[in-house]
Amino acid sequence: MSQSVSLADYRAALTTPGSTRPLVASLLARLPIAMIGLSALLYVQRETGSFAAAGLVSAGSLVGVSAGSVVQGRLIDRFGPTRPLLVMVVLFALAMAGLTLAIEAHAATPLLVLLGGGIGITEPMVGSASRALWGRLVAVEGVRNAAFSYEAISMEVFFILGPGLAGLLVAAPWPGTGMIAGSVCMIAGGTLFALSPAVRAWGSAPAGGRRSLLGALAGPGMRTLALAALGFGVVIGFVEVAVPAAATEAGRPELGGVLLSAWSVSSVAFGIAFSLRPWPRAMSLRLPTLLAAFGLLVALLALPSSLWGLALAMLVAGAMITPQSATHSAAIELVAPEGTAAEAFGWVLTAVTLGLAFGQSVSGYLVEHAGPSASFLAASASALVVAAVVWLLRHTVQQPAPSREEALV
């Protein structure tokens, strides 16, 4: 299964009948996905004067997203997207209002962390539903794979735009402007997506026997995919801490965010080219190969002695980001048990998020005690170790997805 696409496939995917409204709505809902957490962090720091408290609130939000993505994915697979997303939109609005009031009231940090977790859990998982919807709207393999690649590329664009928007809006007269603006955008997009005709036509799954508590992870190939996504997140977590540290060490702390944006730019550019001619052709080989290549390229970040050199190395290493994201999305078609597409994508998001949290925490310790270069090398070693394990488990990705009956216990 090559998973290659053409420019004509992209055009066909984006003009699929019934796709326009959910496509536009999903863009609106996902645009602030990398903006809300950072905006909340900056808002808390401005109001409390504490980066420690702000970091805890951000961590609480990440933990919430990790749990919410899987739970919402399972609900979407069972009942269709409309009802779960509309419920989450309401809960998200309430959680965001609660967090805003608590920040303004200078509430205790534990309460802020709890509310941060609440906005993470209730954040409408339009991305999971959108990715699963393409599998229903498009039957031709090449066009469907183009749609999955589009999802990965667009998400990378949002991760470029989000932090920049958050940084601009925190300078507004009210520092909570970015958090609220992003929330309104997500609420509006989530509501419009849930009420789109193509989404409403996605009804509940047929009643059946009891499902395994593992859900999508009942498939061995799905567990291998989650492991690859975890390794991917670990590497990014290491780098997201080490790069700003390197900029600070060089006396230019303001360039930390710019350097991180550099690898996102090359990621988008190379991601499009990669989707036209992916390599390796076999998905079972692609997962470990791309992760190992990512690890080797990240090791280059330890070599430069200047920020210009680091920026160049970031551009090179970033070339492996979107290809992996697109591969993770496409692999779900092979390894997820039938009827678990949204939950499976939720597990991928959870694995990446947990990897980010682990990588960031370990990287912080290494940066403080051994410097940024040690963190870059640790990121590379982590990627190679996880890639080796995924390689050993590659046979699971070659297996077809278990049938609905096989996923029932």
Protein backbone atom coordinates (compact mmCIF):
# COMPACT_ATOMS: atom_id res chain seq x y z
CA MET A 1 0.00 0.00 0.00
CA SER A 2 1.96 3.01 -1.24
CA GLN A 3 -0.29 5.82 0.06
CA SER A 4 1.08 8.15 -2.67
CA VAL A 5 -1.08 10.96 -3.99
CA SER A 6 -1.06 13.52 -6.81
CA LEU A 7 -2.03 17.16 -7.03
CA ALA A 8 -5.19 16.02 -8.82
CA ASP A 9 -6.01 13.89 -5.78
CA TYR A 10 -5.75 16.96 -3.54
CA ARG A 11 -8.08 18.86 -5.86
CA ALA A 12 -10.56 15.99 -5.95
CA ALA A 13 -10.53 15.64 -2.16
CA LEU A 14 -11.14 19.33 -1.48
CA THR A 15 -14.00 19.47 -4.00
CA THR A 16 -15.73 16.29 -2.85
CA PRO A 17 -19.52 16.79 -2.78
CA GLY A 18 -20.68 17.56 0.75
CA SER A 19 -17.21 18.46 2.00
CA THR A 20 -17.27 22.26 1.66
CA ARG A 21 -19.17 23.17 4.84
CA PRO A 22 -17.38 20.77 7.18
CA LEU A 23 -14.07 21.70 5.52
CA VAL A 24 -14.52 25.43 6.21
CA ALA A 25 -15.93 24.80 9.70
CA SER A 26 -13.05 22.51 10.64
CA LEU A 27 -10.56 25.16 9.55
CA LEU A 28 -12.27 27.67 11.83
CA ALA A 29 -12.38 25.20 14.74
CA ARG A 30 -8.76 24.06 14.43
CA LEU A 31 -7.10 27.39 13.69
CA PRO A 32 -6.75 28.26 17.41
CA ILE A 33 -5.70 24.74 18.47
CA ALA A 34 -2.09 25.85 19.12
CA MET A 35 -3.18 29.28 20.25
CA ILE A 36 -5.48 28.68 23.21
CA GLY A 37 -2.99 26.87 25.46
CA LEU A 38 -0.22 29.43 24.90
CA SER A 39 -2.67 32.32 25.27
CA ALA A 40 -3.86 30.86 28.58
CA LEU A 41 -0.25 30.46 29.75
CA LEU A 42 0.60 34.07 28.88
CA TYR A 43 -2.65 35.33 30.42
CA VAL A 44 -2.03 33.51 33.70
CA GLN A 45 1.55 34.76 33.82
CA ARG A 46 0.45 38.35 33.24
CA GLU A 47 -2.19 38.21 35.98
CA THR A 48 -0.24 36.23 38.59
CA GLY A 49 3.31 37.20 37.75
CA SER A 50 4.29 33.53 38.02
CA PHE A 51 5.66 31.43 35.18
CA ALA A 52 5.48 28.41 37.48
CA ALA A 53 1.71 28.78 37.92
CA ALA A 54 1.29 29.46 34.20
CA GLY A 55 3.27 26.33 33.32
CA LEU A 56 1.14 24.20 35.62
CA VAL A 57 -2.06 25.49 34.02
CA SER A 58 -0.65 24.71 30.57
CA ALA A 59 0.36 21.21 31.73
CA GLY A 60 -3.13 20.67 33.13
CA SER A 61 -4.59 21.58 29.77
CA LEU A 62 -2.31 19.08 27.98
CA VAL A 63 -3.34 16.32 30.37
CA GLY A 64 -6.96 17.20 29.72
CA VAL A 65 -6.50 17.04 25.96
CA SER A 66 -4.82 13.62 26.31
CA ALA A 67 -7.85 12.21 28.10
CA GLY A 68 -10.50 14.12 26.18
CA SER A 69 -9.29 13.16 22.72
CA VAL A 70 -9.76 9.43 23.37
CA VAL A 71 -13.08 9.74 25.21
CA GLN A 72 -14.54 12.07 22.60
CA GLY A 73 -13.24 9.88 19.79
CA ARG A 74 -14.98 6.86 21.26
CA LEU A 75 -18.25 8.82 21.65
CA ILE A 76 -18.01 10.08 18.06
CA ASP A 77 -17.51 6.55 16.74
CA ARG A 78 -20.49 5.32 18.77
CA PHE A 79 -23.02 8.14 18.33
CA GLY A 80 -21.72 10.12 15.35
CA PRO A 81 -20.06 13.54 15.72
CA THR A 82 -23.04 15.88 16.04
CA ARG A 83 -24.28 15.18 19.56
CA PRO A 84 -20.88 14.68 21.26
CA LEU A 85 -19.40 17.79 19.64
CA LEU A 86 -22.36 20.01 20.52
CA VAL A 87 -22.23 18.82 24.13
CA MET A 88 -18.49 19.47 24.27
CA VAL A 89 -18.91 22.93 22.75
CA VAL A 90 -21.24 23.88 25.60
CA LEU A 91 -18.99 22.35 28.26
CA PHE A 92 -15.93 23.98 26.73
CA ALA A 93 -17.61 27.39 26.80
CA LEU A 94 -18.50 26.90 30.48
CA ALA A 95 -14.99 25.71 31.34
CA MET A 96 -13.43 28.65 29.53
CA ALA A 97 -15.72 31.09 31.31
CA GLY A 98 -14.81 29.49 34.64
CA LEU A 99 -11.08 29.71 33.93
CA THR A 100 -11.35 33.34 32.84
CA LEU A 101 -13.24 34.34 35.99
CA ALA A 102 -10.78 32.42 38.16
CA ILE A 103 -7.78 34.12 36.54
CA GLU A 104 -9.36 37.54 36.95
CA ALA A 105 -10.09 36.75 40.61
CA HIS A 106 -6.47 35.60 41.14
CA ALA A 107 -7.72 32.24 42.39
CA ALA A 108 -5.39 29.67 43.94
CA THR A 109 -3.10 27.82 41.55
CA PRO A 110 -4.66 24.36 42.16
CA LEU A 111 -8.04 25.71 41.03
CA LEU A 112 -6.48 27.25 37.92
CA VAL A 113 -4.79 23.94 37.10
CA LEU A 114 -8.09 22.07 37.56
CA LEU A 115 -9.90 24.48 35.27
CA GLY A 116 -7.04 24.26 32.77
CA GLY A 117 -7.58 20.51 32.70
CA GLY A 118 -11.28 21.17 32.17
CA ILE A 119 -10.74 23.20 29.02
CA GLY A 120 -8.43 20.47 27.72
CA ILE A 121 -10.93 17.66 28.33
CA THR A 122 -13.84 19.56 26.81
CA GLU A 123 -11.98 21.05 23.83
CA PRO A 124 -14.12 19.91 20.86
CA MET A 125 -12.13 17.29 18.97
CA VAL A 126 -13.11 18.47 15.52
CA GLY A 127 -9.78 17.20 14.16
CA SER A 128 -10.62 13.58 15.03
CA ALA A 129 -14.10 13.87 13.55
CA SER A 130 -12.83 15.64 10.43
CA ARG A 131 -10.19 13.01 9.79
CA ALA A 132 -12.74 10.19 10.22
CA LEU A 133 -15.28 12.00 8.02
CA TRP A 134 -12.94 11.87 5.02
CA GLY A 135 -13.01 8.08 5.24
CA ARG A 136 -16.78 8.26 4.78
CA LEU A 137 -16.92 10.93 2.08
CA VAL A 138 -14.15 9.60 -0.18
CA ALA A 139 -13.94 6.07 -1.56
CA VAL A 140 -10.95 6.33 -3.92
CA GLU A 141 -7.74 5.44 -2.07
CA GLY A 142 -5.51 8.11 -3.62
CA VAL A 143 -8.05 10.88 -3.01
CA ARG A 144 -8.65 9.70 0.54
CA ASN A 145 -4.91 9.70 1.23
CA ALA A 146 -4.70 13.22 -0.18
CA ALA A 147 -7.39 14.27 2.29
CA PHE A 148 -5.42 12.75 5.17
CA SER A 149 -2.27 14.55 3.99
CA TYR A 150 -4.22 17.78 3.78
CA GLU A 151 -5.32 17.31 7.40
CA ALA A 152 -1.70 16.90 8.54
CA ILE A 153 -0.41 19.83 6.48
CA SER A 154 -3.19 22.17 7.60
CA MET A 155 -2.56 21.27 11.23
CA GLU A 156 1.10 22.17 10.81
CA VAL A 157 0.08 25.54 9.36
CA PHE A 158 -2.12 26.12 12.41
CA PHE A 159 0.81 25.31 14.67
CA ILE A 160 2.80 27.99 12.85
CA LEU A 161 0.07 30.64 13.04
CA GLY A 162 -1.25 29.88 16.53
CA PRO A 163 1.75 30.90 18.66
CA GLY A 164 2.24 34.06 16.61
CA LEU A 165 -1.39 35.10 17.09
CA ALA A 166 -1.15 34.35 20.80
CA GLY A 167 1.96 36.50 21.10
CA LEU A 168 0.31 39.40 19.31
CA LEU A 169 -2.97 39.30 21.23
CA VAL A 170 -1.39 39.07 24.68
CA ALA A 171 -0.19 42.61 24.05
CA ALA A 172 -3.80 43.81 23.69
CA PRO A 173 -5.22 46.07 26.43
CA TRP A 174 -6.67 42.98 28.09
CA PRO A 175 -4.22 40.01 28.22
CA GLY A 176 -7.04 37.48 28.03
CA THR A 177 -7.99 38.62 24.52
CA GLY A 178 -6.12 35.83 22.76
CA MET A 179 -7.61 33.08 24.92
CA ILE A 180 -11.16 34.33 24.44
CA ALA A 181 -10.73 35.04 20.71
CA GLY A 182 -9.38 31.54 20.16
CA SER A 183 -12.20 30.03 22.20
CA VAL A 184 -14.89 31.88 20.26
CA CYS A 185 -13.30 30.70 17.01
CA MET A 186 -13.22 27.10 18.22
CA ILE A 187 -16.79 27.21 19.55
CA ALA A 188 -18.14 28.69 16.32
CA GLY A 189 -16.21 26.26 14.13
CA GLY A 190 -17.14 23.26 16.26
CA THR A 191 -20.82 24.17 16.16
CA LEU A 192 -20.86 24.75 12.40
CA PHE A 193 -18.97 21.50 11.81
CA ALA A 194 -21.33 19.48 14.00
CA LEU A 195 -24.39 20.88 12.20
CA SER A 196 -23.03 20.41 8.66
CA PRO A 197 -25.28 18.12 6.57
CA ALA A 198 -22.50 15.62 5.85
CA VAL A 199 -21.68 15.39 9.56
CA ARG A 200 -25.32 15.08 10.64
CA ALA A 201 -25.76 12.26 8.13
CA TRP A 202 -23.17 10.28 10.11
CA GLY A 203 -25.48 8.44 12.45
CA SER A 204 -24.92 6.19 15.43
CA ALA A 205 -23.05 2.94 14.99
CA PRO A 206 -25.19 -0.22 14.91
CA ALA A 207 -25.81 -1.68 18.33
CA GLY A 208 -23.57 -4.63 19.03
CA GLY A 209 -21.91 -6.60 21.75
CA ARG A 210 -19.70 -5.20 24.41
CA ARG A 211 -16.51 -3.59 23.18
CA SER A 212 -13.09 -4.15 24.62
CA LEU A 213 -12.06 -1.53 27.14
CA LEU A 214 -9.01 -0.99 24.94
CA GLY A 215 -11.27 0.19 22.13
CA ALA A 216 -9.10 1.14 19.15
CA LEU A 217 -6.01 -0.16 20.95
CA ALA A 218 -7.44 -3.68 20.67
CA GLY A 219 -5.66 -3.83 17.32
CA PRO A 220 -1.94 -4.72 17.72
CA GLY A 221 -1.05 -2.51 14.78
CA MET A 222 -2.81 0.39 16.48
CA ARG A 223 -0.59 -0.07 19.52
CA THR A 224 2.47 0.02 17.26
CA LEU A 225 1.21 3.21 15.65
CA ALA A 226 0.62 4.80 19.07
CA LEU A 227 4.19 3.91 20.05
CA ALA A 228 5.55 5.59 16.91
CA ALA A 229 3.44 8.69 17.68
CA LEU A 230 4.74 8.67 21.26
CA GLY A 231 8.35 8.69 20.03
CA PHE A 232 7.52 11.52 17.64
CA GLY A 233 6.08 13.58 20.50
CA VAL A 234 9.05 12.87 22.77
CA VAL A 235 11.50 14.28 20.20
CA ILE A 236 9.45 17.43 19.67
CA GLY A 237 9.12 17.89 23.43
CA PHE A 238 12.90 17.77 23.88
CA VAL A 239 13.47 20.28 21.08
CA GLU A 240 10.74 22.72 22.17
CA VAL A 241 12.57 23.25 25.46
CA ALA A 242 16.17 23.03 24.21
CA VAL A 243 15.84 25.54 21.35
CA PRO A 244 14.60 28.46 23.50
CA ALA A 245 17.30 27.51 26.02
CA ALA A 246 19.94 27.71 23.29
CA ALA A 247 18.64 31.12 22.24
CA THR A 248 18.76 32.31 25.86
CA GLU A 249 22.27 30.94 26.28
CA ALA A 250 23.30 32.92 23.19
CA GLY A 251 21.86 36.11 24.70
CA ARG A 252 18.91 36.29 22.27
CA PRO A 253 15.95 34.77 24.17
CA GLU A 254 13.46 36.55 21.92
CA LEU A 255 14.57 34.36 18.99
CA GLY A 256 13.52 31.08 20.62
CA GLY A 257 10.03 31.14 19.12
CA VAL A 258 11.32 32.22 15.72
CA LEU A 259 13.71 29.28 15.61
CA LEU A 260 10.90 26.86 16.45
CA SER A 261 8.83 28.33 13.64
CA ALA A 262 11.68 27.59 11.23
CA TRP A 263 11.21 23.85 11.35
CA SER A 264 7.44 24.22 10.97
CA VAL A 265 7.96 26.12 7.72
CA SER A 266 10.18 23.42 6.21
CA SER A 267 7.78 20.80 7.56
CA VAL A 268 4.88 22.15 5.51
CA ALA A 269 6.97 22.58 2.36
CA PHE A 270 8.50 19.10 2.50
CA GLY A 271 5.24 17.51 3.65
CA ILE A 272 3.53 18.40 0.39
CA ALA A 273 6.43 17.03 -1.68
CA PHE A 274 6.59 13.87 0.43
CA SER A 275 2.89 13.11 -0.07
CA LEU A 276 3.44 13.05 -3.84
CA ARG A 277 6.13 10.37 -3.56
CA PRO A 278 6.24 8.82 -0.06
CA TRP A 279 9.07 6.58 0.99
CA PRO A 280 9.38 3.80 2.06
CA ARG A 281 6.41 2.56 0.08
CA ALA A 282 5.30 0.04 2.70
CA MET A 283 3.60 1.61 5.70
CA SER A 284 5.12 -0.99 8.03
CA LEU A 285 8.58 0.26 7.07
CA ARG A 286 7.66 3.93 6.83
CA LEU A 287 6.74 4.34 10.50
CA PRO A 288 10.14 3.30 11.95
CA THR A 289 12.17 4.75 9.07
CA LEU A 290 10.73 8.26 9.33
CA LEU A 291 11.10 8.28 13.11
CA ALA A 292 14.73 7.13 12.88
CA ALA A 293 15.47 9.73 10.20
CA PHE A 294 13.89 12.39 12.40
CA GLY A 295 16.13 11.35 15.28
CA LEU A 296 19.28 11.49 13.15
CA LEU A 297 18.42 14.94 11.80
CA VAL A 298 17.65 16.27 15.29
CA ALA A 299 21.14 15.18 16.35
CA LEU A 300 22.44 17.82 13.92
CA LEU A 301 20.99 20.49 16.21
CA ALA A 302 23.77 19.74 18.72
CA LEU A 303 26.49 20.75 16.23
CA PRO A 304 26.04 24.49 15.43
CA SER A 305 27.90 27.06 17.52
CA SER A 306 25.71 29.96 16.38
CA LEU A 307 21.97 30.66 16.19
CA TRP A 308 22.25 30.98 12.41
CA GLY A 309 23.62 27.46 12.26
CA LEU A 310 20.90 26.24 14.60
CA ALA A 311 18.25 27.85 12.38
CA LEU A 312 19.63 26.02 9.34
CA ALA A 313 19.69 22.73 11.22
CA MET A 314 16.09 23.35 12.33
CA LEU A 315 15.04 23.77 8.70
CA VAL A 316 16.65 20.44 7.85
CA ALA A 317 15.20 18.55 10.83
CA GLY A 318 11.74 20.03 10.30
CA ALA A 319 11.44 18.24 6.97
CA MET A 320 10.46 15.07 8.85
CA ILE A 321 7.55 16.49 10.88
CA THR A 322 4.60 16.62 8.47
CA PRO A 323 5.57 13.35 6.71
CA GLN A 324 5.25 11.61 10.07
CA SER A 325 1.96 13.30 10.94
CA ALA A 326 0.51 12.34 7.55
CA THR A 327 1.83 8.79 7.92
CA HIS A 328 0.24 8.42 11.36
CA SER A 329 -3.10 9.58 9.95
CA ALA A 330 -2.94 7.31 6.90
CA ALA A 331 -1.83 4.28 8.96
CA ILE A 332 -5.09 4.38 10.90
CA GLU A 333 -6.82 2.99 7.81
CA LEU A 334 -4.64 -0.12 8.06
CA VAL A 335 -4.52 -0.78 11.79
CA ALA A 336 -7.61 0.62 13.55
CA PRO A 337 -10.39 -1.87 14.31
CA GLU A 338 -13.51 -1.27 12.25
CA GLY A 339 -15.69 1.54 13.54
CA THR A 340 -12.97 3.17 15.69
CA ALA A 341 -11.45 5.74 13.31
CA ALA A 342 -12.18 8.81 15.46
CA GLU A 343 -11.01 7.12 18.66
CA ALA A 344 -7.90 5.82 16.89
CA PHE A 345 -6.97 9.35 15.86
CA GLY A 346 -7.61 10.38 19.46
CA TRP A 347 -5.09 7.80 20.64
CA VAL A 348 -2.52 9.19 18.19
CA LEU A 349 -3.10 12.68 19.60
CA THR A 350 -2.85 11.35 23.14
CA ALA A 351 0.39 9.51 22.39
CA VAL A 352 1.94 12.63 20.85
CA THR A 353 0.78 14.78 23.78
CA LEU A 354 2.16 12.40 26.38
CA GLY A 355 5.41 12.25 24.45
CA LEU A 356 5.56 16.05 24.44
CA ALA A 357 5.03 16.18 28.20
CA PHE A 358 7.75 13.59 28.83
CA GLY A 359 10.22 15.17 26.43
CA GLN A 360 9.70 18.66 27.83
CA SER A 361 10.12 17.55 31.43
CA VAL A 362 13.33 15.59 30.80
CA SER A 363 14.68 18.25 28.46
CA GLY A 364 14.24 20.90 31.15
CA TYR A 365 16.45 18.91 33.51
CA LEU A 366 19.10 18.22 30.86
CA VAL A 367 19.22 21.83 29.69
CA GLU A 368 19.73 23.05 33.23
CA HIS A 369 22.43 20.52 34.13
CA ALA A 370 24.17 19.71 30.83
CA GLY A 371 23.10 22.32 28.27
CA PRO A 372 20.92 22.32 25.13
CA SER A 373 23.27 20.08 23.13
CA ALA A 374 22.77 17.24 25.60
CA SER A 375 19.02 17.61 25.19
CA PHE A 376 19.24 17.44 21.39
CA LEU A 377 21.36 14.28 21.60
CA ALA A 378 18.94 12.73 24.11
CA ALA A 379 16.07 13.49 21.72
CA SER A 380 17.94 11.75 18.92
CA ALA A 381 18.72 8.71 21.07
CA SER A 382 15.09 8.47 22.19
CA ALA A 383 13.86 8.51 18.59
CA LEU A 384 16.29 5.78 17.55
CA VAL A 385 15.33 3.54 20.48
CA VAL A 386 11.59 3.88 19.84
CA ALA A 387 12.14 3.45 16.09
CA ALA A 388 14.00 0.18 16.77
CA VAL A 389 11.05 -1.13 18.80
CA VAL A 390 8.58 -0.06 16.11
CA TRP A 391 10.77 -1.85 13.55
CA LEU A 392 10.58 -5.04 15.59
CA LEU A 393 6.78 -4.69 15.69
CA ARG A 394 6.43 -3.77 12.03
CA HIS A 395 4.64 -7.02 11.18
CA THR A 396 1.59 -5.81 13.13
CA VAL A 397 1.10 -2.91 10.72
CA GLN A 398 0.88 -5.30 7.79
CA GLN A 399 -2.14 -6.99 9.26
CA PRO A 400 -5.61 -5.88 8.14
CA ALA A 401 -7.74 -4.05 10.67
CA PRO A 402 -9.72 -6.46 12.88
CA SER A 403 -13.39 -6.76 12.02
CA ARG A 404 -16.08 -5.35 14.26
CA GLU A 405 -16.69 -8.81 15.70
CA GLU A 406 -12.99 -9.24 16.51
CA ALA A 407 -12.97 -5.92 18.36
CA LEU A 408 -15.87 -7.04 20.56
CA VAL A 409 -15.28 -8.93 23.76
